[in-house]
Amino acid sequence: MEIVHHETALREDKQLLVLTHLSQLLDYVTGFGGFIVPLILWVVNKDRVIAMDEHGKSIINFQISIFIYAILCIPAVFLLGLGILGIIAIGILAFVLPIVNAVKASNGEKPNYYISIPFFS
């Protein structure tokens, strides 16, 4: 039996990394897709593009963390409205951090979603 290894050459594609970060903003345009599109881009290209695995993991960690934080804010709405402030803060961070990290990706820097829980490492 012969084992054949198909090695694919890794390529540097900063535009795809930037697009992957910015695709999280689809939640604000369509109401969904901010998790699905980056997940698909990461799974398809993690073995083809340099640093895609690292960027994809940080994006998925961030999206899952944002979802958990939003769920935790729902009961806090009944606690003097603190949940509303939390949801507003989450909405602002979920809009700003993908843009900041897209700029970092275009400059070749590592992503930093500082409020994300590391589910994938």
N, C-alpha and C. Protein backbone atom coordinates (compact mmCIF):
# COMPACT_ATOMS: atom_id res chain seq x y z
N MET A 1 0.84 -1.16 0.00
CA MET A 1 0.00 0.00 0.00
C MET A 1 0.90 1.24 0.00
N GLU A 2 0.57 2.16 -0.82
CA GLU A 2 1.38 3.36 -0.98
C GLU A 2 0.65 4.55 -0.34
N ILE A 3 1.39 5.30 0.44
CA ILE A 3 0.82 6.49 1.08
C ILE A 3 1.32 7.71 0.32
N VAL A 4 0.39 8.50 -0.13
CA VAL A 4 0.73 9.69 -0.88
C VAL A 4 0.35 10.91 -0.04
N HIS A 5 1.31 11.77 0.16
CA HIS A 5 1.06 13.01 0.90
C HIS A 5 0.95 14.14 -0.09
N HIS A 6 -0.16 14.81 -0.03
CA HIS A 6 -0.34 15.99 -0.87
C HIS A 6 -0.07 17.21 0.00
N GLU A 7 1.09 17.76 -0.16
CA GLU A 7 1.43 18.95 0.61
C GLU A 7 1.02 20.18 -0.19
N THR A 8 0.23 20.99 0.45
CA THR A 8 -0.17 22.22 -0.20
C THR A 8 0.74 23.33 0.28
N ALA A 9 1.12 24.16 -0.61
CA ALA A 9 2.00 25.27 -0.27
C ALA A 9 1.18 26.35 0.44
N LEU A 10 1.68 26.78 1.58
CA LEU A 10 1.02 27.86 2.29
C LEU A 10 1.29 29.17 1.57
N ARG A 11 0.28 29.98 1.50
CA ARG A 11 0.44 31.28 0.86
C ARG A 11 0.05 32.37 1.85
N GLU A 12 0.63 33.52 1.66
CA GLU A 12 0.30 34.66 2.50
C GLU A 12 -0.82 35.43 1.83
N ASP A 13 -1.93 35.59 2.52
CA ASP A 13 -3.08 36.27 1.96
C ASP A 13 -3.68 37.18 3.03
N LYS A 14 -3.12 38.36 3.15
CA LYS A 14 -3.59 39.30 4.18
C LYS A 14 -5.00 39.79 3.89
N GLN A 15 -5.36 39.87 2.61
CA GLN A 15 -6.71 40.32 2.28
C GLN A 15 -7.76 39.34 2.79
N LEU A 16 -7.48 38.06 2.69
CA LEU A 16 -8.43 37.06 3.18
C LEU A 16 -8.53 37.13 4.71
N LEU A 17 -7.41 37.37 5.39
CA LEU A 17 -7.45 37.53 6.84
C LEU A 17 -8.29 38.74 7.23
N VAL A 18 -8.11 39.84 6.52
CA VAL A 18 -8.89 41.04 6.79
C VAL A 18 -10.37 40.77 6.53
N LEU A 19 -10.68 40.11 5.42
CA LEU A 19 -12.06 39.78 5.10
C LEU A 19 -12.69 38.87 6.15
N THR A 20 -11.90 37.95 6.67
CA THR A 20 -12.41 37.05 7.70
C THR A 20 -12.78 37.83 8.96
N HIS A 21 -11.94 38.79 9.35
CA HIS A 21 -12.26 39.61 10.52
C HIS A 21 -13.48 40.48 10.26
N LEU A 22 -13.54 41.10 9.10
CA LEU A 22 -14.65 42.00 8.80
C LEU A 22 -15.97 41.27 8.54
N SER A 23 -15.90 39.98 8.22
CA SER A 23 -17.13 39.23 7.98
C SER A 23 -17.95 39.05 9.25
N GLN A 24 -17.35 39.31 10.40
CA GLN A 24 -18.11 39.27 11.65
C GLN A 24 -19.16 40.37 11.70
N LEU A 25 -18.95 41.42 10.95
CA LEU A 25 -19.89 42.55 10.94
C LEU A 25 -21.16 42.24 10.17
N LEU A 26 -21.25 41.07 9.57
CA LEU A 26 -22.49 40.68 8.88
C LEU A 26 -23.67 40.62 9.83
N ASP A 27 -23.42 40.43 11.12
CA ASP A 27 -24.52 40.44 12.09
C ASP A 27 -25.24 41.78 12.08
N TYR A 28 -24.53 42.86 11.86
CA TYR A 28 -25.14 44.19 11.86
C TYR A 28 -25.87 44.49 10.56
N VAL A 29 -25.51 43.79 9.49
CA VAL A 29 -26.13 44.03 8.19
C VAL A 29 -27.31 43.10 7.95
N THR A 30 -27.09 41.80 8.18
CA THR A 30 -28.12 40.81 7.87
C THR A 30 -28.79 40.21 9.10
N GLY A 31 -28.21 40.39 10.27
CA GLY A 31 -28.77 39.80 11.48
C GLY A 31 -28.19 38.44 11.79
N PHE A 32 -27.50 37.85 10.86
CA PHE A 32 -26.85 36.56 11.07
C PHE A 32 -25.64 36.50 10.15
N GLY A 33 -24.89 35.46 10.25
CA GLY A 33 -23.73 35.30 9.37
C GLY A 33 -22.42 35.71 9.98
N GLY A 34 -22.45 36.44 11.08
CA GLY A 34 -21.22 36.89 11.72
C GLY A 34 -20.45 35.77 12.38
N PHE A 35 -21.08 34.63 12.56
CA PHE A 35 -20.41 33.45 13.09
C PHE A 35 -20.15 32.43 12.00
N ILE A 36 -21.11 32.27 11.11
CA ILE A 36 -21.05 31.22 10.09
C ILE A 36 -19.99 31.52 9.03
N VAL A 37 -19.97 32.73 8.51
CA VAL A 37 -19.03 33.07 7.43
C VAL A 37 -17.57 32.98 7.89
N PRO A 38 -17.19 33.56 9.06
CA PRO A 38 -15.79 33.38 9.49
C PRO A 38 -15.45 31.92 9.77
N LEU A 39 -16.42 31.17 10.28
CA LEU A 39 -16.18 29.75 10.55
C LEU A 39 -15.88 28.99 9.26
N ILE A 40 -16.65 29.26 8.22
CA ILE A 40 -16.43 28.60 6.93
C ILE A 40 -15.09 29.02 6.33
N LEU A 41 -14.79 30.32 6.37
CA LEU A 41 -13.51 30.79 5.83
C LEU A 41 -12.34 30.18 6.58
N TRP A 42 -12.47 30.04 7.89
CA TRP A 42 -11.39 29.46 8.69
C TRP A 42 -11.20 27.98 8.38
N VAL A 43 -12.30 27.22 8.37
CA VAL A 43 -12.19 25.78 8.15
C VAL A 43 -11.64 25.47 6.76
N VAL A 44 -12.07 26.21 5.77
CA VAL A 44 -11.65 25.95 4.39
C VAL A 44 -10.19 26.34 4.16
N ASN A 45 -9.74 27.43 4.78
CA ASN A 45 -8.42 27.98 4.46
C ASN A 45 -7.37 27.84 5.54
N LYS A 46 -7.65 27.15 6.65
CA LYS A 46 -6.68 27.09 7.74
C LYS A 46 -5.39 26.37 7.37
N ASP A 47 -5.45 25.46 6.41
CA ASP A 47 -4.24 24.75 5.98
C ASP A 47 -3.63 25.33 4.72
N ARG A 48 -4.23 26.37 4.19
CA ARG A 48 -3.74 26.96 2.93
C ARG A 48 -3.11 28.33 3.10
N VAL A 49 -3.57 29.08 4.10
CA VAL A 49 -3.13 30.47 4.27
C VAL A 49 -2.33 30.59 5.56
N ILE A 50 -1.20 31.27 5.48
CA ILE A 50 -0.37 31.50 6.65
C ILE A 50 -1.14 32.33 7.67
N ALA A 51 -1.14 31.89 8.91
CA ALA A 51 -1.76 32.55 10.07
C ALA A 51 -3.29 32.48 10.08
N MET A 52 -3.90 31.80 9.13
CA MET A 52 -5.36 31.70 9.12
C MET A 52 -5.86 30.90 10.33
N ASP A 53 -5.13 29.88 10.72
CA ASP A 53 -5.57 29.06 11.85
C ASP A 53 -5.61 29.90 13.12
N GLU A 54 -4.58 30.69 13.35
CA GLU A 54 -4.54 31.54 14.54
C GLU A 54 -5.64 32.59 14.52
N HIS A 55 -5.82 33.26 13.40
CA HIS A 55 -6.85 34.29 13.28
C HIS A 55 -8.25 33.68 13.39
N GLY A 56 -8.45 32.55 12.74
CA GLY A 56 -9.76 31.89 12.78
C GLY A 56 -10.15 31.46 14.18
N LYS A 57 -9.20 30.89 14.91
CA LYS A 57 -9.47 30.46 16.29
C LYS A 57 -9.83 31.66 17.16
N SER A 58 -9.12 32.76 16.99
CA SER A 58 -9.40 33.92 17.82
C SER A 58 -10.77 34.52 17.47
N ILE A 59 -11.15 34.48 16.20
CA ILE A 59 -12.46 34.99 15.80
C ILE A 59 -13.58 34.12 16.37
N ILE A 60 -13.45 32.81 16.26
CA ILE A 60 -14.49 31.92 16.76
C ILE A 60 -14.57 32.02 18.29
N ASN A 61 -13.43 32.09 18.97
CA ASN A 61 -13.44 32.30 20.42
C ASN A 61 -14.18 33.58 20.78
N PHE A 62 -13.93 34.64 20.02
CA PHE A 62 -14.57 35.93 20.28
C PHE A 62 -16.07 35.84 20.05
N GLN A 63 -16.50 35.21 18.97
CA GLN A 63 -17.92 35.11 18.68
C GLN A 63 -18.66 34.29 19.73
N ILE A 64 -18.07 33.18 20.16
CA ILE A 64 -18.70 32.37 21.21
C ILE A 64 -18.75 33.15 22.52
N SER A 65 -17.69 33.87 22.84
CA SER A 65 -17.64 34.66 24.07
C SER A 65 -18.70 35.76 24.06
N ILE A 66 -18.84 36.45 22.94
CA ILE A 66 -19.84 37.50 22.82
C ILE A 66 -21.24 36.93 23.03
N PHE A 67 -21.50 35.76 22.46
CA PHE A 67 -22.80 35.11 22.64
C PHE A 67 -23.04 34.79 24.11
N ILE A 68 -22.05 34.25 24.80
CA ILE A 68 -22.19 33.91 26.22
C ILE A 68 -22.42 35.17 27.05
N TYR A 69 -21.67 36.23 26.78
CA TYR A 69 -21.84 37.48 27.51
C TYR A 69 -23.25 38.05 27.30
N ALA A 70 -23.76 37.96 26.09
CA ALA A 70 -25.11 38.47 25.81
C ALA A 70 -26.16 37.65 26.56
N ILE A 71 -25.99 36.34 26.59
CA ILE A 71 -26.92 35.48 27.32
C ILE A 71 -26.89 35.82 28.81
N LEU A 72 -25.71 36.09 29.35
CA LEU A 72 -25.59 36.44 30.77
C LEU A 72 -26.19 37.80 31.08
N CYS A 73 -26.26 38.69 30.11
CA CYS A 73 -26.84 40.01 30.34
C CYS A 73 -28.36 39.99 30.39
N ILE A 74 -28.97 38.97 29.83
CA ILE A 74 -30.44 38.93 29.79
C ILE A 74 -31.04 38.91 31.19
N PRO A 75 -30.61 38.02 32.11
CA PRO A 75 -31.18 38.09 33.46
C PRO A 75 -30.79 39.37 34.20
N ALA A 76 -29.68 39.95 33.83
CA ALA A 76 -29.23 41.17 34.50
C ALA A 76 -30.07 42.38 34.12
N VAL A 77 -30.89 42.27 33.09
CA VAL A 77 -31.79 43.36 32.72
C VAL A 77 -32.76 43.64 33.86
N PHE A 78 -33.16 42.61 34.56
CA PHE A 78 -34.10 42.78 35.66
C PHE A 78 -33.42 43.29 36.93
N LEU A 79 -32.12 43.39 36.92
CA LEU A 79 -31.35 43.86 38.07
C LEU A 79 -30.96 45.32 37.83
N LEU A 80 -31.90 46.21 38.00
CA LEU A 80 -31.70 47.66 37.84
C LEU A 80 -31.24 48.05 36.44
N GLY A 81 -31.54 47.24 35.45
CA GLY A 81 -31.20 47.58 34.07
C GLY A 81 -29.74 47.44 33.73
N LEU A 82 -28.97 46.80 34.58
CA LEU A 82 -27.54 46.65 34.30
C LEU A 82 -27.29 45.81 33.06
N GLY A 83 -28.19 44.91 32.73
CA GLY A 83 -28.05 44.08 31.55
C GLY A 83 -28.11 44.90 30.27
N ILE A 84 -28.89 45.96 30.30
CA ILE A 84 -28.99 46.83 29.12
C ILE A 84 -27.65 47.51 28.86
N LEU A 85 -27.01 47.96 29.92
CA LEU A 85 -25.68 48.56 29.76
C LEU A 85 -24.68 47.53 29.25
N GLY A 86 -24.78 46.29 29.74
CA GLY A 86 -23.91 45.22 29.27
C GLY A 86 -24.12 44.91 27.81
N ILE A 87 -25.38 44.86 27.39
CA ILE A 87 -25.69 44.57 25.98
C ILE A 87 -25.18 45.70 25.08
N ILE A 88 -25.31 46.94 25.53
CA ILE A 88 -24.79 48.07 24.75
C ILE A 88 -23.27 47.97 24.64
N ALA A 89 -22.59 47.66 25.75
CA ALA A 89 -21.13 47.52 25.72
C ALA A 89 -20.71 46.38 24.81
N ILE A 90 -21.43 45.26 24.87
CA ILE A 90 -21.12 44.11 24.00
C ILE A 90 -21.30 44.50 22.54
N GLY A 91 -22.38 45.23 22.24
CA GLY A 91 -22.62 45.65 20.86
C GLY A 91 -21.52 46.55 20.33
N ILE A 92 -21.04 47.45 21.18
CA ILE A 92 -19.96 48.36 20.75
C ILE A 92 -18.67 47.58 20.54
N LEU A 93 -18.32 46.70 21.49
CA LEU A 93 -17.09 45.92 21.36
C LEU A 93 -17.15 44.96 20.18
N ALA A 94 -18.32 44.37 19.93
CA ALA A 94 -18.47 43.44 18.81
C ALA A 94 -18.38 44.17 17.47
N PHE A 95 -18.55 45.48 17.47
CA PHE A 95 -18.41 46.26 16.25
C PHE A 95 -16.98 46.77 16.08
N VAL A 96 -16.36 47.22 17.17
CA VAL A 96 -15.06 47.87 17.10
C VAL A 96 -13.91 46.87 16.98
N LEU A 97 -13.94 45.80 17.79
CA LEU A 97 -12.81 44.87 17.82
C LEU A 97 -12.54 44.16 16.49
N PRO A 98 -13.57 43.74 15.72
CA PRO A 98 -13.24 43.17 14.41
C PRO A 98 -12.55 44.15 13.47
N ILE A 99 -12.91 45.42 13.54
CA ILE A 99 -12.28 46.43 12.69
C ILE A 99 -10.82 46.63 13.11
N VAL A 100 -10.59 46.73 14.42
CA VAL A 100 -9.23 46.90 14.93
C VAL A 100 -8.36 45.71 14.53
N ASN A 101 -8.90 44.50 14.67
CA ASN A 101 -8.12 43.31 14.34
C ASN A 101 -7.97 43.12 12.84
N ALA A 102 -8.88 43.64 12.04
CA ALA A 102 -8.70 43.61 10.59
C ALA A 102 -7.52 44.49 10.18
N VAL A 103 -7.39 45.63 10.84
CA VAL A 103 -6.24 46.51 10.57
C VAL A 103 -4.95 45.82 11.01
N LYS A 104 -4.99 45.15 12.16
CA LYS A 104 -3.81 44.41 12.62
C LYS A 104 -3.45 43.31 11.64
N ALA A 105 -4.45 42.61 11.12
CA ALA A 105 -4.19 41.53 10.16
C ALA A 105 -3.57 42.08 8.88
N SER A 106 -4.01 43.25 8.44
CA SER A 106 -3.43 43.82 7.23
C SER A 106 -1.99 44.26 7.44
N ASN A 107 -1.63 44.54 8.70
CA ASN A 107 -0.25 44.91 9.02
C ASN A 107 0.61 43.71 9.39
N GLY A 108 0.03 42.51 9.37
CA GLY A 108 0.78 41.31 9.69
C GLY A 108 0.93 41.03 11.18
N GLU A 109 0.11 41.69 12.01
CA GLU A 109 0.19 41.50 13.45
C GLU A 109 -0.76 40.40 13.90
N LYS A 110 -0.56 39.92 15.13
CA LYS A 110 -1.42 38.89 15.69
C LYS A 110 -2.74 39.51 16.16
N PRO A 111 -3.83 38.75 16.07
CA PRO A 111 -5.12 39.29 16.55
C PRO A 111 -5.16 39.33 18.07
N ASN A 112 -5.95 40.27 18.60
CA ASN A 112 -6.09 40.38 20.04
C ASN A 112 -7.53 40.77 20.37
N TYR A 113 -8.36 39.78 20.63
CA TYR A 113 -9.70 40.00 21.14
C TYR A 113 -9.61 39.79 22.64
N TYR A 114 -9.36 40.86 23.37
CA TYR A 114 -8.98 40.74 24.77
C TYR A 114 -10.10 40.29 25.69
N ILE A 115 -11.36 40.31 25.26
CA ILE A 115 -12.44 39.87 26.13
C ILE A 115 -12.90 38.44 25.81
N SER A 116 -12.21 37.78 24.90
CA SER A 116 -12.67 36.45 24.51
C SER A 116 -12.15 35.37 25.44
N ILE A 117 -12.95 34.33 25.58
CA ILE A 117 -12.60 33.17 26.38
C ILE A 117 -11.93 32.18 25.44
N PRO A 118 -10.75 31.65 25.78
CA PRO A 118 -10.04 30.76 24.86
C PRO A 118 -10.61 29.33 24.84
N PHE A 119 -11.63 29.10 24.03
CA PHE A 119 -12.18 27.76 23.84
C PHE A 119 -11.28 26.93 22.95
N PHE A 120 -10.80 27.54 21.87
CA PHE A 120 -9.86 26.90 20.95
C PHE A 120 -8.51 27.56 21.13
N SER A 121 -7.47 26.76 21.25
CA SER A 121 -6.14 27.37 21.40
C SER A 121 -5.16 26.74 20.46
